[in-house]
Amino acid sequence: MSSAAYRQLYILSTFSQQQAVTKADLMSKFAVSARSIQRDISSLNQFFDDESLSQQINYDATEKVFKLQAQEQQLTDAQILILIKVLLASRALNVPELKELVGSLCQLVSADQRRLVDRITNIESFDYVPLHHQQDLVQPIWQLSQAIMKGGTMKISYEDRHHRALEKQIRPKSIFFSEFYFYVIATDITIQQDRFYRIDRIQHLEPSLLPHINSYQNRAEDGDVRKHVYLMYNGDVETITFEFWGIVEAALDRLPTARVIQEKPDKGSVIIQAQASDNGIRMWLLSQGNMLKVLSPQSLVDEIHDIVSQMGQLYQQELGEDNGPQPKFII
């Protein structure tokens, strides 16, 4: 009598060669009961569920055979329309890739609603303004995603924000979308430190020959990164406190770790505390203008003060004039 593991491998192998497997044939081949075969099928279906594989073995009582079938996950017309609107609002894809993806989604809409969805999509697509990079993203994102799941490494040619061409070997860990751009968080193999790379700035990528590692150990904790990193800037996570006179709900939505620790109704303000990457949070703090005052840490207070001081000097013509001192990059 063969082991259950061998029987299950045999069943999978048989499915790969033909459409159906009869229960009688399996019972005869392995000299086991119908109950044993059913347990094998249940174990395989449990494996498909655990690994999120969109397939299942079902028994066709009419034909008296087992069939390996793909599980249909049908989107509703409303869900498809929402996905299209999100794609258009993101501005992340160039026009050819956007048209191809939106067209594929529209083909999934039911026949009686397709004209309505096409009309809405065509109106909004007419005013679509893509980002300036014009790079294809679908295939690079797919290649990087495969490397993440396999624990592999990639060779990339990368153009940084100063337009310098860099050759890197990276081990991708996670992919994010933030503020119009897709990013890959990856370990720079040379310095063994994690870095953020804008995927549209990757000019070329290919698998490298470095050994793979355990993909579960390699992956970044996506949820934790999203809570603490804004605008995809590297930096240490620190606790930041500020007084805020703006719309509190907007601040709490923008900063997932934020909470109100004190209300000041006489001033119309609140004190908010959040944990965030020190480099990424600065840009949001500055975007709030005169409706926000950083209270701690003191190092951040000093940096914001220096930036605001430079801004004042620019408008007072003490900085940025021809043949005069120029602003310096602080963040």
C-alpha atoms as a PDB file:
ATOM      1  CA  MET A   1       0.000   0.000   0.000  1.00  0.00           C
ATOM      2  CA  SER A   2       1.464   3.411  -0.986  1.00  0.00           C
ATOM      3  CA  SER A   3       1.625   6.400   1.321  1.00  0.00           C
ATOM      4  CA  ALA A   4      -0.992   9.169   1.285  1.00  0.00           C
ATOM      5  CA  ALA A   5       1.667  11.649   0.124  1.00  0.00           C
ATOM      6  CA  TYR A   6       2.520   9.465  -2.871  1.00  0.00           C
ATOM      7  CA  ARG A   7      -1.146   9.046  -3.766  1.00  0.00           C
ATOM      8  CA  GLN A   8      -1.706  12.815  -3.634  1.00  0.00           C
ATOM      9  CA  LEU A   9       1.304  13.483  -5.863  1.00  0.00           C
ATOM     10  CA  TYR A  10       0.005  10.863  -8.298  1.00  0.00           C
ATOM     11  CA  ILE A  11      -3.433  12.528  -8.354  1.00  0.00           C
ATOM     12  CA  LEU A  12      -1.884  15.932  -9.119  1.00  0.00           C
ATOM     13  CA  SER A  13       0.316  14.412 -11.811  1.00  0.00           C
ATOM     14  CA  THR A  14      -2.712  12.747 -13.404  1.00  0.00           C
ATOM     15  CA  PHE A  15      -4.616  16.045 -13.428  1.00  0.00           C
ATOM     16  CA  SER A  16      -1.694  17.652 -15.262  1.00  0.00           C
ATOM     17  CA  GLN A  17      -2.069  15.100 -18.062  1.00  0.00           C
ATOM     18  CA  GLN A  18      -5.839  14.777 -18.358  1.00  0.00           C
ATOM     19  CA  GLN A  19      -9.056  16.505 -17.344  1.00  0.00           C
ATOM     20  CA  ALA A  20     -10.555  14.046 -14.892  1.00  0.00           C
ATOM     21  CA  VAL A  21      -9.723  11.185 -12.506  1.00  0.00           C
ATOM     22  CA  THR A  22     -12.151   8.408 -11.626  1.00  0.00           C
ATOM     23  CA  LYS A  23     -12.547   7.314  -8.028  1.00  0.00           C
ATOM     24  CA  ALA A  24     -12.704   3.657  -9.089  1.00  0.00           C
ATOM     25  CA  ASP A  25      -9.368   3.865 -10.909  1.00  0.00           C
ATOM     26  CA  LEU A  26      -7.660   5.407  -7.869  1.00  0.00           C
ATOM     27  CA  MET A  27      -9.121   2.807  -5.493  1.00  0.00           C
ATOM     28  CA  SER A  28      -8.011   0.001  -7.801  1.00  0.00           C
ATOM     29  CA  LYS A  29      -4.506   1.333  -8.411  1.00  0.00           C
ATOM     30  CA  PHE A  30      -3.663   1.848  -4.744  1.00  0.00           C
ATOM     31  CA  ALA A  31      -5.892  -0.871  -3.217  1.00  0.00           C
ATOM     32  CA  VAL A  32      -7.457   1.558  -0.769  1.00  0.00           C
ATOM     33  CA  SER A  33     -11.005   2.445   0.207  1.00  0.00           C
ATOM     34  CA  ALA A  34     -13.134   5.256  -1.173  1.00  0.00           C
ATOM     35  CA  ARG A  35     -12.725   6.993   2.196  1.00  0.00           C
ATOM     36  CA  SER A  36      -8.925   7.067   1.785  1.00  0.00           C
ATOM     37  CA  ILE A  37      -9.236   8.631  -1.660  1.00  0.00           C
ATOM     38  CA  GLN A  38     -11.656  11.224  -0.298  1.00  0.00           C
ATOM     39  CA  ARG A  39      -9.178  12.110   2.458  1.00  0.00           C
ATOM     40  CA  ASP A  40      -6.486  12.574  -0.198  1.00  0.00           C
ATOM     41  CA  ILE A  41      -8.740  14.922  -2.150  1.00  0.00           C
ATOM     42  CA  SER A  42      -9.609  16.870   1.017  1.00  0.00           C
ATOM     43  CA  SER A  43      -5.907  17.257   1.870  1.00  0.00           C
ATOM     44  CA  LEU A  44      -5.159  18.589  -1.603  1.00  0.00           C
ATOM     45  CA  ASN A  45      -8.060  21.055  -1.411  1.00  0.00           C
ATOM     46  CA  GLN A  46      -6.835  22.219   2.000  1.00  0.00           C
ATOM     47  CA  PHE A  47      -3.390  22.803   0.481  1.00  0.00           C
ATOM     48  CA  PHE A  48      -4.939  24.889  -2.319  1.00  0.00           C
ATOM     49  CA  ASP A  49      -6.781  26.981   0.289  1.00  0.00           C
ATOM     50  CA  ASP A  50      -3.713  27.454   2.512  1.00  0.00           C
ATOM     51  CA  GLU A  51      -1.611  28.628  -0.432  1.00  0.00           C
ATOM     52  CA  SER A  52      -4.425  30.822  -1.861  1.00  0.00           C
ATOM     53  CA  LEU A  53      -4.440  28.877  -5.121  1.00  0.00           C
ATOM     54  CA  SER A  54      -7.579  29.534  -7.160  1.00  0.00           C
ATOM     55  CA  GLN A  55      -8.393  25.906  -7.867  1.00  0.00           C
ATOM     56  CA  GLN A  56     -10.231  23.018  -6.278  1.00  0.00           C
ATOM     57  CA  ILE A  57     -10.894  19.327  -6.894  1.00  0.00           C
ATOM     58  CA  ASN A  58     -14.620  18.637  -7.236  1.00  0.00           C
ATOM     59  CA  TYR A  59     -16.503  15.383  -7.733  1.00  0.00           C
ATOM     60  CA  ASP A  60     -18.877  15.160 -10.680  1.00  0.00           C
ATOM     61  CA  ALA A  61     -21.540  12.680  -9.565  1.00  0.00           C
ATOM     62  CA  THR A  62     -22.998  12.384 -13.078  1.00  0.00           C
ATOM     63  CA  GLU A  63     -19.718  11.379 -14.713  1.00  0.00           C
ATOM     64  CA  LYS A  64     -18.351   9.800 -11.494  1.00  0.00           C
ATOM     65  CA  VAL A  65     -15.006  11.563 -11.855  1.00  0.00           C
ATOM     66  CA  PHE A  66     -12.894  14.092  -9.953  1.00  0.00           C
ATOM     67  CA  LYS A  67     -12.118  17.316 -11.815  1.00  0.00           C
ATOM     68  CA  LEU A  68      -9.535  19.987 -11.057  1.00  0.00           C
ATOM     69  CA  GLN A  69     -11.371  23.259 -11.615  1.00  0.00           C
ATOM     70  CA  ALA A  70     -10.432  26.904 -11.354  1.00  0.00           C
ATOM     71  CA  GLN A  71     -12.498  28.844  -8.843  1.00  0.00           C
ATOM     72  CA  GLU A  72     -14.273  31.772 -10.435  1.00  0.00           C
ATOM     73  CA  GLN A  73     -14.003  35.057  -8.561  1.00  0.00           C
ATOM     74  CA  GLN A  74     -16.322  37.368 -10.473  1.00  0.00           C
ATOM     75  CA  LEU A  75     -16.105  41.101  -9.871  1.00  0.00           C
ATOM     76  CA  THR A  76     -19.353  43.034  -9.891  1.00  0.00           C
ATOM     77  CA  ASP A  77     -19.877  45.845 -12.413  1.00  0.00           C
ATOM     78  CA  ALA A  78     -19.707  48.396  -9.588  1.00  0.00           C
ATOM     79  CA  GLN A  79     -16.399  46.964  -8.318  1.00  0.00           C
ATOM     80  CA  ILE A  80     -14.911  47.107 -11.815  1.00  0.00           C
ATOM     81  CA  LEU A  81     -15.944  50.752 -12.196  1.00  0.00           C
ATOM     82  CA  ILE A  82     -14.318  51.610  -8.862  1.00  0.00           C
ATOM     83  CA  LEU A  83     -11.054  49.912  -9.910  1.00  0.00           C
ATOM     84  CA  ILE A  84     -11.042  51.890 -13.172  1.00  0.00           C
ATOM     85  CA  LYS A  85     -11.624  55.156 -11.299  1.00  0.00           C
ATOM     86  CA  VAL A  86      -8.774  54.380  -8.895  1.00  0.00           C
ATOM     87  CA  LEU A  87      -6.451  53.679 -11.831  1.00  0.00           C
ATOM     88  CA  LEU A  88      -7.386  56.956 -13.518  1.00  0.00           C
ATOM     89  CA  ALA A  89      -6.994  58.957 -10.309  1.00  0.00           C
ATOM     90  CA  SER A  90      -3.583  57.460  -9.523  1.00  0.00           C
ATOM     91  CA  ARG A  91      -1.983  58.749 -12.775  1.00  0.00           C
ATOM     92  CA  ALA A  92       0.616  56.020 -12.214  1.00  0.00           C
ATOM     93  CA  LEU A  93       0.533  54.308 -15.617  1.00  0.00           C
ATOM     94  CA  ASN A  94       1.501  55.659 -19.009  1.00  0.00           C
ATOM     95  CA  VAL A  95      -1.272  55.945 -21.606  1.00  0.00           C
ATOM     96  CA  PRO A  96      -0.672  52.628 -23.469  1.00  0.00           C
ATOM     97  CA  GLU A  97      -0.606  50.556 -20.269  1.00  0.00           C
ATOM     98  CA  LEU A  98      -3.606  52.414 -18.855  1.00  0.00           C
ATOM     99  CA  LYS A  99      -5.676  51.827 -22.013  1.00  0.00           C
ATOM    100  CA  GLU A 100      -4.765  48.128 -22.069  1.00  0.00           C
ATOM    101  CA  LEU A 101      -5.619  47.593 -18.408  1.00  0.00           C
ATOM    102  CA  VAL A 102      -8.835  49.634 -18.474  1.00  0.00           C
ATOM    103  CA  GLY A 103      -9.877  47.858 -21.675  1.00  0.00           C
ATOM    104  CA  SER A 104      -9.342  44.460 -20.044  1.00  0.00           C
ATOM    105  CA  LEU A 105     -11.417  45.486 -17.029  1.00  0.00           C
ATOM    106  CA  CYS A 106     -14.205  46.802 -19.248  1.00  0.00           C
ATOM    107  CA  GLN A 107     -14.409  43.405 -20.961  1.00  0.00           C
ATOM    108  CA  LEU A 108     -15.392  41.924 -17.594  1.00  0.00           C
ATOM    109  CA  VAL A 109     -18.447  44.179 -17.278  1.00  0.00           C
ATOM    110  CA  SER A 110     -21.790  42.499 -17.956  1.00  0.00           C
ATOM    111  CA  ALA A 111     -23.206  43.130 -21.439  1.00  0.00           C
ATOM    112  CA  ASP A 112     -26.180  45.164 -20.233  1.00  0.00           C
ATOM    113  CA  GLN A 113     -23.968  47.588 -18.256  1.00  0.00           C
ATOM    114  CA  ARG A 114     -20.947  47.787 -20.563  1.00  0.00           C
ATOM    115  CA  ARG A 115     -22.199  50.806 -22.517  1.00  0.00           C
ATOM    116  CA  LEU A 116     -22.653  52.776 -19.280  1.00  0.00           C
ATOM    117  CA  VAL A 117     -19.191  51.851 -17.943  1.00  0.00           C
ATOM    118  CA  ASP A 118     -17.580  52.544 -21.343  1.00  0.00           C
ATOM    119  CA  ARG A 119     -19.203  55.989 -21.445  1.00  0.00           C
ATOM    120  CA  ILE A 120     -18.023  56.913 -17.944  1.00  0.00           C
ATOM    121  CA  THR A 121     -14.543  55.555 -18.651  1.00  0.00           C
ATOM    122  CA  ASN A 122     -14.186  57.364 -21.977  1.00  0.00           C
ATOM    123  CA  ILE A 123     -15.188  60.697 -20.446  1.00  0.00           C
ATOM    124  CA  GLU A 124     -12.692  60.386 -17.593  1.00  0.00           C
ATOM    125  CA  SER A 125      -9.933  58.918 -19.779  1.00  0.00           C
ATOM    126  CA  PHE A 126     -10.135  61.923 -22.116  1.00  0.00           C
ATOM    127  CA  ASP A 127      -8.739  64.167 -19.374  1.00  0.00           C
ATOM    128  CA  TYR A 128      -6.189  61.628 -18.128  1.00  0.00           C
ATOM    129  CA  VAL A 129      -2.765  63.221 -17.558  1.00  0.00           C
ATOM    130  CA  PRO A 130      -0.015  60.622 -17.000  1.00  0.00           C
ATOM    131  CA  LEU A 131       3.175  61.327 -15.089  1.00  0.00           C
ATOM    132  CA  HIS A 132       6.167  62.613 -17.002  1.00  0.00           C
ATOM    133  CA  HIS A 133       8.359  59.508 -16.796  1.00  0.00           C
ATOM    134  CA  GLN A 134       6.333  57.573 -19.451  1.00  0.00           C
ATOM    135  CA  GLN A 135       7.909  54.285 -18.322  1.00  0.00           C
ATOM    136  CA  ASP A 136       6.201  50.897 -18.629  1.00  0.00           C
ATOM    137  CA  LEU A 137       5.511  49.564 -15.131  1.00  0.00           C
ATOM    138  CA  VAL A 138       3.405  46.423 -15.431  1.00  0.00           C
ATOM    139  CA  GLN A 139       6.202  44.034 -16.397  1.00  0.00           C
ATOM    140  CA  PRO A 140       8.863  45.417 -13.978  1.00  0.00           C
ATOM    141  CA  ILE A 141       6.385  45.204 -11.095  1.00  0.00           C
ATOM    142  CA  TRP A 142       5.605  41.611 -12.055  1.00  0.00           C
ATOM    143  CA  GLN A 143       9.312  40.676 -12.239  1.00  0.00           C
ATOM    144  CA  LEU A 144      10.053  42.306  -8.878  1.00  0.00           C
ATOM    145  CA  SER A 145       7.035  40.605  -7.302  1.00  0.00           C
ATOM    146  CA  GLN A 146       8.278  37.217  -8.472  1.00  0.00           C
ATOM    147  CA  ALA A 147      11.723  37.948  -6.994  1.00  0.00           C
ATOM    148  CA  ILE A 148      10.112  38.869  -3.660  1.00  0.00           C
ATOM    149  CA  MET A 149       8.120  35.638  -3.476  1.00  0.00           C
ATOM    150  CA  LYS A 150      11.157  33.518  -4.443  1.00  0.00           C
ATOM    151  CA  GLY A 151      13.673  35.363  -2.241  1.00  0.00           C
ATOM    152  CA  GLY A 152      15.767  36.185  -5.306  1.00  0.00           C
ATOM    153  CA  THR A 153      18.050  39.071  -6.263  1.00  0.00           C
ATOM    154  CA  MET A 154      18.020  41.437  -9.238  1.00  0.00           C
ATOM    155  CA  LYS A 155      20.559  43.503 -11.146  1.00  0.00           C
ATOM    156  CA  ILE A 156      19.147  46.942 -11.913  1.00  0.00           C
ATOM    157  CA  SER A 157      20.252  50.021 -13.815  1.00  0.00           C
ATOM    158  CA  TYR A 158      18.833  52.930 -11.839  1.00  0.00           C
ATOM    159  CA  GLU A 159      18.642  56.666 -12.466  1.00  0.00           C
ATOM    160  CA  ASP A 160      18.541  58.620  -9.203  1.00  0.00           C
ATOM    161  CA  ARG A 161      16.876  62.024  -8.695  1.00  0.00           C
ATOM    162  CA  HIS A 162      20.092  63.759  -9.790  1.00  0.00           C
ATOM    163  CA  HIS A 163      19.938  61.803 -13.096  1.00  0.00           C
ATOM    164  CA  ARG A 164      23.014  59.775 -12.192  1.00  0.00           C
ATOM    165  CA  ALA A 165      23.136  56.261 -13.679  1.00  0.00           C
ATOM    166  CA  LEU A 166      23.751  53.625 -10.987  1.00  0.00           C
ATOM    167  CA  GLU A 167      24.273  49.878 -11.255  1.00  0.00           C
ATOM    168  CA  LYS A 168      22.858  47.990  -8.268  1.00  0.00           C
ATOM    169  CA  GLN A 169      22.323  44.457  -7.048  1.00  0.00           C
ATOM    170  CA  ILE A 170      19.225  44.344  -4.861  1.00  0.00           C
ATOM    171  CA  ARG A 171      17.083  41.839  -3.010  1.00  0.00           C
ATOM    172  CA  PRO A 172      13.475  43.108  -3.368  1.00  0.00           C
ATOM    173  CA  LYS A 173      11.378  42.912  -0.189  1.00  0.00           C
ATOM    174  CA  SER A 174       8.108  44.734  -0.840  1.00  0.00           C
ATOM    175  CA  ILE A 175       6.319  46.924  -3.396  1.00  0.00           C
ATOM    176  CA  PHE A 176       4.315  50.026  -2.479  1.00  0.00           C
ATOM    177  CA  PHE A 177       2.298  52.689  -4.215  1.00  0.00           C
ATOM    178  CA  SER A 178       2.502  56.161  -2.675  1.00  0.00           C
ATOM    179  CA  GLU A 179       1.943  59.693  -3.970  1.00  0.00           C
ATOM    180  CA  PHE A 180       1.687  58.776  -7.695  1.00  0.00           C
ATOM    181  CA  TYR A 181       4.682  56.385  -7.764  1.00  0.00           C
ATOM    182  CA  PHE A 182       5.364  52.693  -7.317  1.00  0.00           C
ATOM    183  CA  TYR A 183       8.346  51.898  -5.088  1.00  0.00           C
ATOM    184  CA  VAL A 184      10.248  48.739  -4.293  1.00  0.00           C
ATOM    185  CA  ILE A 185      11.829  48.378  -0.864  1.00  0.00           C
ATOM    186  CA  ALA A 186      14.976  46.348  -1.391  1.00  0.00           C
ATOM    187  CA  THR A 187      18.235  45.455   0.299  1.00  0.00           C
ATOM    188  CA  ASP A 188      21.267  46.958  -1.436  1.00  0.00           C
ATOM    189  CA  ILE A 189      23.525  43.891  -1.566  1.00  0.00           C
ATOM    190  CA  THR A 190      26.753  45.932  -1.495  1.00  0.00           C
ATOM    191  CA  ILE A 191      26.055  47.866   1.705  1.00  0.00           C
ATOM    192  CA  GLN A 192      23.461  45.447   3.180  1.00  0.00           C
ATOM    193  CA  GLN A 193      20.995  48.245   3.897  1.00  0.00           C
ATOM    194  CA  ASP A 194      17.377  48.676   2.848  1.00  0.00           C
ATOM    195  CA  ARG A 195      16.630  51.397   0.313  1.00  0.00           C
ATOM    196  CA  PHE A 196      13.569  52.713  -1.532  1.00  0.00           C
ATOM    197  CA  TYR A 197      13.721  52.679  -5.331  1.00  0.00           C
ATOM    198  CA  ARG A 198      11.141  54.315  -7.569  1.00  0.00           C
ATOM    199  CA  ILE A 199      10.258  51.627 -10.084  1.00  0.00           C
ATOM    200  CA  ASP A 200       9.863  54.090 -12.981  1.00  0.00           C
ATOM    201  CA  ARG A 201      13.531  55.061 -12.466  1.00  0.00           C
ATOM    202  CA  ILE A 202      14.692  51.480 -13.031  1.00  0.00           C
ATOM    203  CA  GLN A 203      15.939  51.539 -16.615  1.00  0.00           C
ATOM    204  CA  HIS A 204      16.767  47.829 -16.827  1.00  0.00           C
ATOM    205  CA  LEU A 205      16.453  44.826 -14.527  1.00  0.00           C
ATOM    206  CA  GLU A 206      17.321  41.164 -14.711  1.00  0.00           C
ATOM    207  CA  PRO A 207      17.726  38.276 -12.233  1.00  0.00           C
ATOM    208  CA  SER A 208      21.188  37.917 -10.695  1.00  0.00           C
ATOM    209  CA  LEU A 209      22.928  34.659  -9.853  1.00  0.00           C
ATOM    210  CA  LEU A 210      23.177  35.215  -6.096  1.00  0.00           C
ATOM    211  CA  PRO A 211      21.579  32.427  -4.033  1.00  0.00           C
ATOM    212  CA  HIS A 212      17.924  32.710  -3.044  1.00  0.00           C
ATOM    213  CA  ILE A 213      16.890  33.006   0.595  1.00  0.00           C
ATOM    214  CA  ASN A 214      13.735  32.154   2.519  1.00  0.00           C
ATOM    215  CA  SER A 215      11.070  34.396   0.981  1.00  0.00           C
ATOM    216  CA  TYR A 216       9.110  34.710   4.253  1.00  0.00           C
ATOM    217  CA  GLN A 217      12.174  36.007   6.121  1.00  0.00           C
ATOM    218  CA  ASN A 218      12.983  38.350   3.243  1.00  0.00           C
ATOM    219  CA  ARG A 219       9.603  40.080   2.914  1.00  0.00           C
ATOM    220  CA  ALA A 220       9.106  43.436   4.601  1.00  0.00           C
ATOM    221  CA  GLU A 221       6.241  43.762   7.064  1.00  0.00           C
ATOM    222  CA  ASP A 222       4.013  45.736   4.699  1.00  0.00           C
ATOM    223  CA  GLY A 223       1.516  46.939   7.281  1.00  0.00           C
ATOM    224  CA  ASP A 224       4.204  48.228   9.642  1.00  0.00           C
ATOM    225  CA  VAL A 225       6.026  50.069   6.857  1.00  0.00           C
ATOM    226  CA  ARG A 226       2.797  51.721   5.650  1.00  0.00           C
ATOM    227  CA  LYS A 227       2.074  52.989   9.157  1.00  0.00           C
ATOM    228  CA  HIS A 228       5.438  54.679   9.658  1.00  0.00           C
ATOM    229  CA  VAL A 229       6.735  55.654   6.218  1.00  0.00           C
ATOM    230  CA  TYR A 230       5.187  58.498   4.207  1.00  0.00           C
ATOM    231  CA  LEU A 231       6.362  59.727   0.808  1.00  0.00           C
ATOM    232  CA  MET A 232       8.853  56.840   0.601  1.00  0.00           C
ATOM    233  CA  TYR A 233      11.821  58.493   2.307  1.00  0.00           C
ATOM    234  CA  ASN A 234      14.322  56.451   4.319  1.00  0.00           C
ATOM    235  CA  GLY A 235      14.802  57.411   7.919  1.00  0.00           C
ATOM    236  CA  ASP A 236      14.520  56.246  11.513  1.00  0.00           C
ATOM    237  CA  VAL A 237      11.092  56.006  13.095  1.00  0.00           C
ATOM    238  CA  GLU A 238      10.640  58.547  15.877  1.00  0.00           C
ATOM    239  CA  THR A 239       7.821  59.961  17.989  1.00  0.00           C
ATOM    240  CA  ILE A 240       6.702  63.391  16.787  1.00  0.00           C
ATOM    241  CA  THR A 241       4.386  65.803  18.614  1.00  0.00           C
ATOM    242  CA  PHE A 242       2.790  68.869  17.054  1.00  0.00           C
ATOM    243  CA  GLU A 243       0.031  71.394  17.658  1.00  0.00           C
ATOM    244  CA  PHE A 244      -2.517  71.485  14.853  1.00  0.00           C
ATOM    245  CA  TRP A 245      -5.147  74.093  13.891  1.00  0.00           C
ATOM    246  CA  GLY A 246      -6.313  72.360  10.687  1.00  0.00           C
ATOM    247  CA  ILE A 247      -8.847  69.610   9.972  1.00  0.00           C
ATOM    248  CA  VAL A 248      -8.079  66.954  12.577  1.00  0.00           C
ATOM    249  CA  GLU A 249      -9.665  64.091  10.647  1.00  0.00           C
ATOM    250  CA  ALA A 250      -7.422  64.810   7.639  1.00  0.00           C
ATOM    251  CA  ALA A 251      -4.295  64.669   9.802  1.00  0.00           C
ATOM    252  CA  LEU A 252      -5.324  61.419  11.482  1.00  0.00           C
ATOM    253  CA  ASP A 253      -6.140  59.844   8.113  1.00  0.00           C
ATOM    254  CA  ARG A 254      -2.807  60.952   6.634  1.00  0.00           C
ATOM    255  CA  LEU A 255      -0.757  59.650   9.584  1.00  0.00           C
ATOM    256  CA  PRO A 256      -1.970  56.128  10.494  1.00  0.00           C
ATOM    257  CA  THR A 257      -0.223  56.107  13.895  1.00  0.00           C
ATOM    258  CA  ALA A 258      -1.451  59.578  14.902  1.00  0.00           C
ATOM    259  CA  ARG A 259      -3.664  60.185  17.927  1.00  0.00           C
ATOM    260  CA  VAL A 260      -4.955  63.297  19.670  1.00  0.00           C
ATOM    261  CA  ILE A 261      -3.348  63.529  23.118  1.00  0.00           C
ATOM    262  CA  GLN A 262      -4.780  66.908  24.122  1.00  0.00           C
ATOM    263  CA  GLU A 263      -7.568  69.235  22.990  1.00  0.00           C
ATOM    264  CA  LYS A 264      -7.339  73.025  23.338  1.00  0.00           C
ATOM    265  CA  PRO A 265     -10.831  74.365  22.569  1.00  0.00           C
ATOM    266  CA  ASP A 266      -9.909  77.892  23.706  1.00  0.00           C
ATOM    267  CA  LYS A 267      -7.270  78.009  20.958  1.00  0.00           C
ATOM    268  CA  GLY A 268      -9.146  75.885  18.416  1.00  0.00           C
ATOM    269  CA  SER A 269      -6.239  73.436  18.242  1.00  0.00           C
ATOM    270  CA  VAL A 270      -5.236  69.930  19.277  1.00  0.00           C
ATOM    271  CA  ILE A 271      -1.964  68.279  20.210  1.00  0.00           C
ATOM    272  CA  ILE A 272      -1.236  65.243  18.041  1.00  0.00           C
ATOM    273  CA  GLN A 273       1.394  62.565  18.534  1.00  0.00           C
ATOM    274  CA  ALA A 274       2.543  60.132  15.837  1.00  0.00           C
ATOM    275  CA  GLN A 275       5.325  57.678  15.083  1.00  0.00           C
ATOM    276  CA  ALA A 276       6.866  58.255  11.678  1.00  0.00           C
ATOM    277  CA  SER A 277       9.997  58.067   9.569  1.00  0.00           C
ATOM    278  CA  ASP A 278      11.813  61.289  10.385  1.00  0.00           C
ATOM    279  CA  ASN A 279      12.719  62.092   6.763  1.00  0.00           C
ATOM    280  CA  GLY A 280       9.339  61.337   5.234  1.00  0.00           C
ATOM    281  CA  ILE A 281       7.178  63.215   7.741  1.00  0.00           C
ATOM    282  CA  ARG A 282       8.952  66.568   7.268  1.00  0.00           C
ATOM    283  CA  MET A 283       7.415  67.209   3.873  1.00  0.00           C
ATOM    284  CA  TRP A 284       3.888  66.681   5.183  1.00  0.00           C
ATOM    285  CA  LEU A 285       4.519  68.876   8.236  1.00  0.00           C
ATOM    286  CA  LEU A 286       5.754  71.707   6.023  1.00  0.00           C
ATOM    287  CA  SER A 287       2.787  71.314   3.667  1.00  0.00           C
ATOM    288  CA  GLN A 288       0.452  72.400   6.486  1.00  0.00           C
ATOM    289  CA  GLY A 289       1.875  75.926   6.504  1.00  0.00           C
ATOM    290  CA  ASN A 290       0.821  78.137   9.404  1.00  0.00           C
ATOM    291  CA  MET A 291      -1.733  75.602  10.701  1.00  0.00           C
ATOM    292  CA  LEU A 292       0.886  73.387  12.364  1.00  0.00           C
ATOM    293  CA  LYS A 293       3.689  73.854  14.906  1.00  0.00           C
ATOM    294  CA  VAL A 294       6.143  71.050  15.717  1.00  0.00           C
ATOM    295  CA  LEU A 295       6.697  70.647  19.466  1.00  0.00           C
ATOM    296  CA  SER A 296       9.111  67.705  19.641  1.00  0.00           C
ATOM    297  CA  PRO A 297      11.662  66.270  19.174  1.00  0.00           C
ATOM    298  CA  GLN A 298      13.825  69.350  19.471  1.00  0.00           C
ATOM    299  CA  SER A 299      16.051  68.299  16.565  1.00  0.00           C
ATOM    300  CA  LEU A 300      13.010  68.340  14.267  1.00  0.00           C
ATOM    301  CA  VAL A 301      11.854  71.696  15.672  1.00  0.00           C
ATOM    302  CA  ASP A 302      15.283  73.163  14.827  1.00  0.00           C
ATOM    303  CA  GLU A 303      15.256  71.748  11.297  1.00  0.00           C
ATOM    304  CA  ILE A 304      11.740  73.028  10.551  1.00  0.00           C
ATOM    305  CA  HIS A 305      12.736  76.436  11.948  1.00  0.00           C
ATOM    306  CA  ASP A 306      15.753  76.557   9.610  1.00  0.00           C
ATOM    307  CA  ILE A 307      13.640  75.620   6.588  1.00  0.00           C
ATOM    308  CA  VAL A 308      10.968  78.224   7.378  1.00  0.00           C
ATOM    309  CA  SER A 309      13.693  80.803   7.900  1.00  0.00           C
ATOM    310  CA  GLN A 310      15.094  80.068   4.452  1.00  0.00           C
ATOM    311  CA  MET A 311      11.622  80.383   2.951  1.00  0.00           C
ATOM    312  CA  GLY A 312      11.258  83.850   4.517  1.00  0.00           C
ATOM    313  CA  GLN A 313      14.662  84.900   3.184  1.00  0.00           C
ATOM    314  CA  LEU A 314      13.667  83.808  -0.316  1.00  0.00           C
ATOM    315  CA  TYR A 315      10.639  86.127  -0.319  1.00  0.00           C
ATOM    316  CA  GLN A 316      12.609  88.935   1.332  1.00  0.00           C
ATOM    317  CA  GLN A 317      15.169  88.615  -1.480  1.00  0.00           C
ATOM    318  CA  GLU A 318      17.923  87.798   0.995  1.00  0.00           C
ATOM    319  CA  LEU A 319      18.353  84.370  -0.572  1.00  0.00           C
ATOM    320  CA  GLY A 320      18.141  82.922  -4.066  1.00  0.00           C
ATOM    321  CA  GLU A 321      19.067  86.106  -5.931  1.00  0.00           C
ATOM    322  CA  ASP A 322      21.543  86.169  -8.830  1.00  0.00           C
ATOM    323  CA  ASN A 323      25.164  86.147  -7.639  1.00  0.00           C
ATOM    324  CA  GLY A 324      23.996  85.730  -4.037  1.00  0.00           C
ATOM    325  CA  PRO A 325      23.632  82.913  -1.477  1.00  0.00           C
ATOM    326  CA  GLN A 326      21.307  80.089  -2.457  1.00  0.00           C
ATOM    327  CA  PRO A 327      19.008  77.896  -0.319  1.00  0.00           C
ATOM    328  CA  LYS A 328      20.519  74.684   1.012  1.00  0.00           C
ATOM    329  CA  PHE A 329      18.896  71.283   1.156  1.00  0.00           C
ATOM    330  CA  ILE A 330      18.131  70.486   4.815  1.00  0.00           C
ATOM    331  CA  ILE A 331      15.884  67.385   4.689  1.00  0.00           C
END
